C-alpha atoms as a PDB file:
ATOM      1  CA  UNK A   1      81.149  79.428 106.897  1.00  0.00           C
ATOM      2  CA  UNK A   2      82.576  81.761 104.269  1.00  0.00           C
ATOM      3  CA  UNK A   3      80.647  84.260 102.183  1.00  0.00           C
ATOM      4  CA  UNK A   4      81.299  86.347  99.047  1.00  0.00           C
ATOM      5  CA  UNK A   5      80.220  89.999  99.193  1.00  0.00           C
ATOM      6  CA  UNK A   6      80.627  92.241  96.113  1.00  0.00           C
ATOM      7  CA  UNK A   7      82.053  95.318  97.828  1.00  0.00           C
ATOM      8  CA  UNK A   8      85.168  96.410  99.684  1.00  0.00           C
ATOM      9  CA  UNK A   9      83.809  95.876 103.191  1.00  0.00           C
ATOM     10  CA  UNK A  10      83.066  97.532 105.516  1.00  0.00           C
ATOM     11  CA  UNK A  11      81.900  99.908 102.762  1.00  0.00           C
ATOM     12  CA  UNK A  12      78.480  98.904 101.442  1.00  0.00           C
ATOM     13  CA  UNK A  13      77.170  96.296 103.836  1.00  0.00           C
ATOM     14  CA  UNK A  14      73.675  95.189 102.931  1.00  0.00           C
ATOM     15  CA  UNK A  15      71.469  94.071 100.090  1.00  0.00           C
ATOM     16  CA  UNK A  16      72.549  96.393  97.252  1.00  0.00           C
ATOM     17  CA  UNK A  17      76.347  96.815  97.401  1.00  0.00           C
ATOM     18  CA  UNK A  18      77.113  97.001  93.675  1.00  0.00           C
ATOM     19  CA  UNK A  19      74.215  99.336  92.970  1.00  0.00           C
ATOM     20  CA  UNK A  20      75.161 101.692  95.801  1.00  0.00           C
ATOM     21  CA  UNK A  21      78.868 101.693  94.962  1.00  0.00           C
ATOM     22  CA  UNK A  22      78.168 102.673  91.352  1.00  0.00           C
ATOM     23  CA  UNK A  23      75.611 105.254  92.435  1.00  0.00           C
ATOM     24  CA  UNK A  24      78.287 106.785  94.676  1.00  0.00           C
ATOM     25  CA  UNK A  25      80.823 106.803  91.840  1.00  0.00           C
ATOM     26  CA  UNK A  26      83.258 104.439  93.591  1.00  0.00           C
ATOM     27  CA  UNK A  27      86.369 103.437  91.639  1.00  0.00           C
ATOM     28  CA  UNK A  28      87.975 101.048  92.320  1.00  0.00           C
ATOM     29  CA  UNK A  29      85.261  98.667  93.434  1.00  0.00           C
ATOM     30  CA  UNK A  30      85.877  95.172  94.741  1.00  0.00           C
ATOM     31  CA  UNK A  31      84.796  91.950  96.374  1.00  0.00           C
ATOM     32  CA  UNK A  32      85.352  90.522  99.847  1.00  0.00           C
ATOM     33  CA  UNK A  33      85.506  86.974 101.162  1.00  0.00           C
ATOM     34  CA  UNK A  34      84.541  86.895 104.822  1.00  0.00           C
ATOM     35  CA  UNK A  35      83.494  84.680 107.673  1.00  0.00           C
ATOM     36  CA  UNK A  36      79.750  84.624 108.302  1.00  0.00           C
ATOM     37  CA  UNK A  37      78.550  85.982 111.639  1.00  0.00           C
ATOM     38  CA  UNK A  38      75.065  86.740 112.963  1.00  0.00           C
ATOM     39  CA  UNK A  39      75.284  90.423 111.954  1.00  0.00           C
ATOM     40  CA  UNK A  40      74.891  90.932 108.185  1.00  0.00           C
ATOM     41  CA  UNK A  41      78.197  91.281 106.291  1.00  0.00           C
ATOM     42  CA  UNK A  42      80.083  92.073 109.518  1.00  0.00           C
ATOM     43  CA  UNK A  43      82.378  89.041 109.803  1.00  0.00           C
ATOM     44  CA  UNK A  44      86.186  89.101 109.727  1.00  0.00           C
ATOM     45  CA  UNK A  45      87.613  89.496 106.209  1.00  0.00           C
ATOM     46  CA  UNK A  46      89.625  86.626 104.717  1.00  0.00           C
ATOM     47  CA  UNK A  47      90.577  88.371 101.455  1.00  0.00           C
ATOM     48  CA  UNK A  48      89.694  91.311  99.250  1.00  0.00           C
ATOM     49  CA  UNK A  49      90.247  92.011  95.554  1.00  0.00           C
ATOM     50  CA  UNK A  50      89.950  95.466  94.008  1.00  0.00           C
ATOM     51  CA  UNK A  51      88.909  96.208  90.444  1.00  0.00           C
ATOM     52  CA  UNK A  52      89.347  99.426  88.457  1.00  0.00           C
ATOM     53  CA  UNK A  53      86.324 100.008  86.256  1.00  0.00           C
ATOM     54  CA  UNK A  54      85.345 102.211  83.329  1.00  0.00           C
ATOM     55  CA  UNK A  55      83.313 105.288  84.237  1.00  0.00           C
ATOM     56  CA  UNK A  56      80.425 103.927  82.151  1.00  0.00           C
ATOM     57  CA  UNK A  57      80.380 100.396  83.632  1.00  0.00           C
ATOM     58  CA  UNK A  58      76.894  99.335  84.696  1.00  0.00           C
ATOM     59  CA  UNK A  59      75.699  96.987  87.444  1.00  0.00           C
ATOM     60  CA  UNK A  60      74.378  94.576  84.810  1.00  0.00           C
ATOM     61  CA  UNK A  61      77.923  93.680  83.735  1.00  0.00           C
ATOM     62  CA  UNK A  62      79.812  94.463  86.944  1.00  0.00           C
ATOM     63  CA  UNK A  63      77.899  92.170  89.310  1.00  0.00           C
ATOM     64  CA  UNK A  64      78.714  88.908  87.489  1.00  0.00           C
ATOM     65  CA  UNK A  65      82.336  90.040  87.065  1.00  0.00           C
ATOM     66  CA  UNK A  66      82.699  90.610  90.800  1.00  0.00           C
ATOM     67  CA  UNK A  67      81.137  87.259  91.637  1.00  0.00           C
ATOM     68  CA  UNK A  68      83.549  85.525  89.234  1.00  0.00           C
ATOM     69  CA  UNK A  69      86.459  87.203  91.029  1.00  0.00           C
ATOM     70  CA  UNK A  70      84.923  86.388  94.410  1.00  0.00           C
ATOM     71  CA  UNK A  71      84.453  82.730  93.511  1.00  0.00           C
ATOM     72  CA  UNK A  72      88.150  82.406  92.587  1.00  0.00           C
ATOM     73  CA  UNK A  73      89.125  84.144  95.838  1.00  0.00           C
ATOM     74  CA  UNK A  74      86.878  81.817  97.836  1.00  0.00           C
ATOM     75  CA  UNK A  75      88.391  78.720  96.205  1.00  0.00           C
ATOM     76  CA  UNK A  76      91.894  80.065  96.926  1.00  0.00           C
ATOM     77  CA  UNK A  77      90.997  80.733 100.571  1.00  0.00           C
ATOM     78  CA  UNK A  78      89.302  77.418 101.363  1.00  0.00           C
ATOM     79  CA  UNK A  79      92.468  75.295 101.861  1.00  0.00           C
ATOM     80  CA  UNK A  80      93.949  77.927 104.201  1.00  0.00           C
ATOM     81  CA  UNK A  81      90.751  77.967 106.253  1.00  0.00           C
ATOM     82  CA  UNK A  82      90.457  74.188 106.316  1.00  0.00           C
ATOM     83  CA  UNK A  83      94.054  73.685 107.506  1.00  0.00           C
ATOM     84  CA  UNK A  84      93.776  76.465 110.083  1.00  0.00           C
ATOM     85  CA  UNK A  85      96.112  79.023 108.503  1.00  0.00           C
ATOM     86  CA  UNK A  86      93.195  81.502 108.459  1.00  0.00           C
ATOM     87  CA  UNK A  87      90.679  81.532 111.324  1.00  0.00           C
ATOM     88  CA  UNK A  88      88.011  83.860 112.690  1.00  0.00           C
ATOM     89  CA  UNK A  89      90.677  85.122 115.097  1.00  0.00           C
ATOM     90  CA  UNK A  90      93.399  85.804 112.512  1.00  0.00           C
ATOM     91  CA  UNK A  91      91.195  87.243 109.734  1.00  0.00           C
ATOM     92  CA  UNK A  92      90.934  91.035 109.456  1.00  0.00           C
ATOM     93  CA  UNK A  93      88.342  92.577 111.756  1.00  0.00           C
ATOM     94  CA  UNK A  94      86.160  95.185 110.030  1.00  0.00           C
ATOM     95  CA  UNK A  95      86.476  98.789 111.184  1.00  0.00           C
ATOM     96  CA  UNK A  96      82.979  99.716 112.332  1.00  0.00           C
ATOM     97  CA  UNK A  97      83.738 103.434 111.930  1.00  0.00           C
ATOM     98  CA  UNK A  98      84.034 102.935 108.143  1.00  0.00           C
ATOM     99  CA  UNK A  99      80.720 101.143 107.636  1.00  0.00           C
ATOM    100  CA  UNK A 100      78.455 102.366 104.837  1.00  0.00           C
ATOM    101  CA  UNK A 101      75.044 100.741 104.522  1.00  0.00           C
ATOM    102  CA  UNK A 102      73.908  99.561 101.091  1.00  0.00           C
ATOM    103  CA  UNK A 103      70.218  99.883 101.809  1.00  0.00           C
ATOM    104  CA  UNK A 104      67.517  98.197  99.779  1.00  0.00           C
ATOM    105  CA  UNK A 105      66.590 100.210  96.684  1.00  0.00           C
ATOM    106  CA  UNK A 106      63.083 101.598  96.349  1.00  0.00           C
ATOM    107  CA  UNK A 107      61.586 101.858  92.872  1.00  0.00           C
ATOM    108  CA  UNK A 108      60.920 105.572  93.418  1.00  0.00           C
ATOM    109  CA  UNK A 109      64.692 106.151  93.491  1.00  0.00           C
ATOM    110  CA  UNK A 110      64.764 105.433  89.760  1.00  0.00           C
ATOM    111  CA  UNK A 111      63.499 108.890  88.840  1.00  0.00           C
ATOM    112  CA  UNK A 112      66.224 111.297  87.738  1.00  0.00           C
ATOM    113  CA  UNK A 113      65.960 114.916  88.874  1.00  0.00           C
ATOM    114  CA  UNK A 114      68.172 117.087  86.648  1.00  0.00           C
ATOM    115  CA  UNK A 115      66.929 120.191  88.504  1.00  0.00           C
ATOM    116  CA  UNK A 116      68.507 118.808  91.700  1.00  0.00           C
ATOM    117  CA  UNK A 117      71.202 116.412  90.452  1.00  0.00           C
ATOM    118  CA  UNK A 118      74.370 116.928  88.399  1.00  0.00           C
ATOM    119  CA  UNK A 119      74.977 115.028  85.160  1.00  0.00           C
ATOM    120  CA  UNK A 120      77.495 112.823  87.020  1.00  0.00           C
ATOM    121  CA  UNK A 121      74.970 111.993  89.736  1.00  0.00           C
ATOM    122  CA  UNK A 122      72.326 111.119  87.126  1.00  0.00           C
ATOM    123  CA  UNK A 123      74.822 109.041  85.150  1.00  0.00           C
ATOM    124  CA  UNK A 124      75.965 107.115  88.216  1.00  0.00           C
ATOM    125  CA  UNK A 125      72.380 106.328  89.141  1.00  0.00           C
ATOM    126  CA  UNK A 126      71.727 105.018  85.607  1.00  0.00           C
ATOM    127  CA  UNK A 127      74.791 102.783  85.981  1.00  0.00           C
ATOM    128  CA  UNK A 128      73.885 101.558  89.444  1.00  0.00           C
ATOM    129  CA  UNK A 129      70.208 100.897  88.804  1.00  0.00           C
ATOM    130  CA  UNK A 130      70.612  99.273  85.368  1.00  0.00           C
ATOM    131  CA  UNK A 131      69.289  95.886  86.539  1.00  0.00           C
ATOM    132  CA  UNK A 132      66.499  97.155  88.802  1.00  0.00           C
ATOM    133  CA  UNK A 133      64.589  99.413  89.115  1.00  0.00           C
ATOM    134  CA  UNK A 134      66.028 101.231  86.102  1.00  0.00           C
ATOM    135  CA  UNK A 135      66.012 105.012  85.776  1.00  0.00           C
ATOM    136  CA  UNK A 136      63.512 107.289  84.091  1.00  0.00           C
ATOM    137  CA  UNK A 137      62.533 110.846  83.232  1.00  0.00           C
ATOM    138  CA  UNK A 138      59.260 112.472  82.251  1.00  0.00           C
ATOM    139  CA  UNK A 139      59.432 114.167  78.842  1.00  0.00           C
ATOM    140  CA  UNK A 140      57.054 116.908  77.740  1.00  0.00           C
ATOM    141  CA  UNK A 141      56.741 116.306  73.997  1.00  0.00           C
ATOM    142  CA  UNK A 142      55.517 119.158  71.823  1.00  0.00           C
ATOM    143  CA  UNK A 143      54.216 122.588  72.849  1.00  0.00           C
ATOM    144  CA  UNK A 144      50.790 121.463  74.076  1.00  0.00           C
ATOM    145  CA  UNK A 145      51.265 121.518  77.843  1.00  0.00           C
ATOM    146  CA  UNK A 146      47.773 120.126  78.402  1.00  0.00           C
ATOM    147  CA  UNK A 147      49.148 116.748  77.305  1.00  0.00           C
ATOM    148  CA  UNK A 148      50.547 114.546  80.052  1.00  0.00           C
ATOM    149  CA  UNK A 149      54.342 114.095  80.188  1.00  0.00           C
ATOM    150  CA  UNK A 150      55.630 110.804  78.794  1.00  0.00           C
ATOM    151  CA  UNK A 151      57.624 108.457  81.014  1.00  0.00           C
ATOM    152  CA  UNK A 152      60.874 107.441  79.301  1.00  0.00           C
ATOM    153  CA  UNK A 153      63.339 104.913  80.702  1.00  0.00           C
ATOM    154  CA  UNK A 154      66.968 106.059  80.512  1.00  0.00           C
ATOM    155  CA  UNK A 155      69.063 103.008  79.598  1.00  0.00           C
ATOM    156  CA  UNK A 156      72.553 104.242  78.726  1.00  0.00           C
ATOM    157  CA  UNK A 157      74.232 107.607  79.305  1.00  0.00           C
ATOM    158  CA  UNK A 158      77.538 109.401  79.415  1.00  0.00           C
ATOM    159  CA  UNK A 159      78.717 112.691  80.904  1.00  0.00           C
ATOM    160  CA  UNK A 160      80.071 115.309  78.512  1.00  0.00           C
ATOM    161  CA  UNK A 161      83.115 117.364  79.431  1.00  0.00           C
ATOM    162  CA  UNK A 162      81.469 120.552  78.226  1.00  0.00           C
ATOM    163  CA  UNK A 163      79.053 122.672  80.240  1.00  0.00           C
ATOM    164  CA  UNK A 164      76.083 124.717  79.039  1.00  0.00           C
ATOM    165  CA  UNK A 165      73.584 127.259  80.262  1.00  0.00           C
ATOM    166  CA  UNK A 166      70.753 125.461  82.072  1.00  0.00           C
ATOM    167  CA  UNK A 167      67.713 124.847  79.878  1.00  0.00           C
ATOM    168  CA  UNK A 168      64.780 122.450  79.941  1.00  0.00           C
ATOM    169  CA  UNK A 169      65.045 121.790  76.175  1.00  0.00           C
ATOM    170  CA  UNK A 170      66.440 118.349  75.315  1.00  0.00           C
ATOM    171  CA  UNK A 171      68.178 118.125  71.932  1.00  0.00           C
ATOM    172  CA  UNK A 172      70.239 115.540  70.081  1.00  0.00           C
ATOM    173  CA  UNK A 173      73.947 116.283  69.571  1.00  0.00           C
ATOM    174  CA  UNK A 174      75.262 117.426  66.189  1.00  0.00           C
ATOM    175  CA  UNK A 175      77.437 114.416  65.304  1.00  0.00           C
ATOM    176  CA  UNK A 176      76.553 110.908  64.203  1.00  0.00           C
ATOM    177  CA  UNK A 177      76.130 108.667  67.236  1.00  0.00           C
ATOM    178  CA  UNK A 178      75.448 111.567  69.593  1.00  0.00           C
ATOM    179  CA  UNK A 179      72.707 111.189  72.172  1.00  0.00           C
ATOM    180  CA  UNK A 180      69.974 113.359  73.619  1.00  0.00           C
ATOM    181  CA  UNK A 181      71.595 116.140  75.609  1.00  0.00           C
ATOM    182  CA  UNK A 182      70.093 117.137  78.915  1.00  0.00           C
ATOM    183  CA  UNK A 183      71.540 120.167  80.724  1.00  0.00           C
ATOM    184  CA  UNK A 184      71.335 119.845  84.504  1.00  0.00           C
ATOM    185  CA  UNK A 185      70.811 122.795  86.835  1.00  0.00           C
ATOM    186  CA  UNK A 186      74.557 123.156  87.513  1.00  0.00           C
ATOM    187  CA  UNK A 187      75.314 123.381  83.777  1.00  0.00           C
ATOM    188  CA  UNK A 188      76.725 119.854  83.477  1.00  0.00           C
ATOM    189  CA  UNK A 189      75.515 117.898  80.441  1.00  0.00           C
ATOM    190  CA  UNK A 190      74.129 114.360  80.477  1.00  0.00           C
ATOM    191  CA  UNK A 191      73.977 112.603  77.122  1.00  0.00           C
ATOM    192  CA  UNK A 192      71.333 109.901  76.843  1.00  0.00           C
ATOM    193  CA  UNK A 193      72.511 107.337  74.307  1.00  0.00           C
ATOM    194  CA  UNK A 194      69.708 104.777  74.678  1.00  0.00           C
ATOM    195  CA  UNK A 195      66.172 105.302  75.931  1.00  0.00           C
ATOM    196  CA  UNK A 196      62.958 103.303  76.112  1.00  0.00           C
ATOM    197  CA  UNK A 197      59.593 105.044  75.849  1.00  0.00           C
ATOM    198  CA  UNK A 198      56.681 103.292  77.563  1.00  0.00           C
ATOM    199  CA  UNK A 199      55.452 100.212  75.630  1.00  0.00           C
ATOM    200  CA  UNK A 200      58.363 100.492  73.160  1.00  0.00           C
ATOM    201  CA  UNK A 201      61.685  98.706  72.737  1.00  0.00           C
ATOM    202  CA  UNK A 202      65.025 100.200  73.745  1.00  0.00           C
ATOM    203  CA  UNK A 203      66.231 102.563  71.019  1.00  0.00           C
ATOM    204  CA  UNK A 204      69.113 104.895  70.291  1.00  0.00           C
ATOM    205  CA  UNK A 205      68.681 108.650  70.499  1.00  0.00           C
ATOM    206  CA  UNK A 206      68.357 109.142  66.740  1.00  0.00           C
ATOM    207  CA  UNK A 207      65.510 106.628  66.506  1.00  0.00           C
ATOM    208  CA  UNK A 208      63.734 108.371  69.366  1.00  0.00           C
ATOM    209  CA  UNK A 209      64.085 111.780  67.707  1.00  0.00           C
ATOM    210  CA  UNK A 210      62.884 110.398  64.372  1.00  0.00           C
ATOM    211  CA  UNK A 211      59.682 109.299  66.064  1.00  0.00           C
ATOM    212  CA  UNK A 212      58.991 112.788  67.416  1.00  0.00           C
ATOM    213  CA  UNK A 213      57.986 114.119  63.989  1.00  0.00           C
ATOM    214  CA  UNK A 214      59.655 117.461  64.658  1.00  0.00           C
ATOM    215  CA  UNK A 215      58.179 118.012  68.124  1.00  0.00           C
ATOM    216  CA  UNK A 216      60.418 119.591  70.755  1.00  0.00           C
ATOM    217  CA  UNK A 217      61.215 117.749  73.990  1.00  0.00           C
ATOM    218  CA  UNK A 218      61.423 119.278  77.462  1.00  0.00           C
END
């Protein structure tokens, strides 16, 4: 039996290979065709294809792309397996010393921690968790700290080349199309292009700011 696995095995064995590879910032990524054995994703490799991706590519679009590539690779490999050109014995054995586990994602991992994470780490988590569980922050809106923070889903981001002095104030950039700029503790800047407040639709940064009625965001 052959199987398609959307990672460059033995890196990212397990249930969440695309999510974990994006979270780790891997580039290139890839897909493997392998023989099925009793141990998960550990069989000899029949073929692998690598794919260079954009730094903003998200799991939502990458996963189907990798499975399309994997399906073509599987179809190409089948005749060679059927006629005996490729067997369990001649396929490439995985190097166990290079194994990385792509563990199941817990919903609590969706929270971004700019006080502990860099902008790149936050961005890569947004990319990796775009399908599920998504990523979110808690915004303090206005100066009344007795009000509970608002949970806001972070849908699309990018990392700016510039750095800034760390601050908890979140502001929109000066140019048209700019997003909400969040300065992480190391001074790197994450720009949030699309967000989704609780019970609302996904919106761009400008629409979100317009709804704040002049209130500051932290």
